[in-house]
């Protein structure tokens, strides 16, 4: 097998290797790729769960945001601005 420089694009390298494979091996590679693609489409993804500590941190942050939005501030009016117009 030839030694290649890093300047060769992966697609070119793959095409070169592919062209040297016998037809039966090319078929096996295609079958394996199809098997992997099918498995990827049909297998359920494992659910990711937060640790209890991470869950409490997220809930606390959300509670803090909620508290900020519930604070009563001074009355806002645009009347002074409207008079200037």
Protein backbone atom coordinates (compact mmCIF):
# COMPACT_ATOMS: atom_id res chain seq x y z
CA UNK A 1 0.00 0.00 0.00
CA UNK A 2 1.25 3.47 -0.88
CA UNK A 3 2.14 6.10 1.71
CA UNK A 4 0.03 9.23 1.21
CA UNK A 5 0.58 12.79 2.25
CA UNK A 6 -1.97 14.55 4.45
CA UNK A 7 -2.89 16.77 1.48
CA UNK A 8 -4.94 13.96 -0.07
CA UNK A 9 -8.64 14.52 0.56
CA UNK A 10 -10.40 11.73 2.48
CA UNK A 11 -12.87 11.25 -0.38
CA UNK A 12 -10.00 10.68 -2.83
CA UNK A 13 -8.30 8.26 -0.47
CA UNK A 14 -11.54 6.35 0.06
CA UNK A 15 -12.13 6.15 -3.70
CA UNK A 16 -8.61 4.81 -4.20
CA UNK A 17 -9.06 2.12 -1.56
CA UNK A 18 -12.57 1.27 -2.80
CA UNK A 19 -11.32 0.73 -6.33
CA UNK A 20 -8.79 -1.88 -5.10
CA UNK A 21 -11.41 -4.01 -3.30
CA UNK A 22 -12.87 -7.05 -5.03
CA UNK A 23 -16.60 -6.79 -5.83
CA UNK A 24 -17.54 -9.27 -3.09
CA UNK A 25 -15.76 -7.16 -0.45
CA UNK A 26 -17.38 -3.99 -1.78
CA UNK A 27 -20.75 -5.72 -1.38
CA UNK A 28 -19.90 -6.74 2.18
CA UNK A 29 -18.95 -3.15 3.04
CA UNK A 30 -22.20 -1.84 1.54
CA UNK A 31 -24.23 -4.45 3.42
CA UNK A 32 -22.52 -3.54 6.69
CA UNK A 33 -23.13 0.18 6.10
CA UNK A 34 -26.81 -0.52 5.42
CA UNK A 35 -27.01 -2.63 8.59
CA UNK A 36 -25.53 0.21 10.66
CA UNK A 37 -27.84 2.80 9.07
CA UNK A 38 -30.91 0.61 9.73
CA UNK A 39 -29.86 -0.03 13.32
CA UNK A 40 -29.29 3.68 13.89
CA UNK A 41 -32.79 4.49 12.58
CA UNK A 42 -34.62 1.80 14.54
CA UNK A 43 -32.90 1.62 17.92
CA UNK A 44 -34.34 3.87 20.61
CA UNK A 45 -31.89 6.37 21.97
CA UNK A 46 -31.03 5.96 25.64
CA UNK A 47 -32.68 8.68 27.66
CA UNK A 48 -30.38 11.07 29.39
CA UNK A 49 -31.20 11.75 33.00
CA UNK A 50 -29.91 14.55 35.15
CA UNK A 51 -28.45 13.68 38.48
CA UNK A 52 -30.62 14.69 41.41
CA UNK A 53 -28.14 17.45 42.26
CA UNK A 54 -28.21 18.83 38.71
CA UNK A 55 -32.01 18.66 38.68
CA UNK A 56 -32.21 20.71 41.88
CA UNK A 57 -29.77 23.32 40.44
CA UNK A 58 -31.89 23.71 37.31
CA UNK A 59 -35.12 24.00 39.30
CA UNK A 60 -33.52 26.54 41.64
CA UNK A 61 -32.36 28.65 38.69
CA UNK A 62 -35.85 28.55 37.17
CA UNK A 63 -37.38 29.50 40.52
CA UNK A 64 -35.00 32.46 40.76
CA UNK A 65 -36.02 33.68 37.30
CA UNK A 66 -39.69 33.28 38.23
CA UNK A 67 -39.15 35.28 41.42
CA UNK A 68 -37.53 38.11 39.45
CA UNK A 69 -40.49 38.31 37.10
CA UNK A 70 -42.95 38.46 39.99
CA UNK A 71 -41.33 41.40 41.78
CA UNK A 72 -43.44 44.55 41.75
CA UNK A 73 -41.53 47.57 40.53
CA UNK A 74 -42.42 51.22 40.18
CA UNK A 75 -45.31 52.15 37.94
CA UNK A 76 -44.17 52.81 34.42
CA UNK A 77 -45.68 55.60 32.41
CA UNK A 78 -44.90 57.17 29.07
CA UNK A 79 -47.02 60.27 29.74
CA UNK A 80 -44.04 62.60 30.14
CA UNK A 81 -42.60 61.34 26.92
CA UNK A 82 -45.98 61.64 25.16
CA UNK A 83 -46.31 65.29 26.24
CA UNK A 84 -42.94 66.10 24.67
CA UNK A 85 -44.12 64.69 21.35
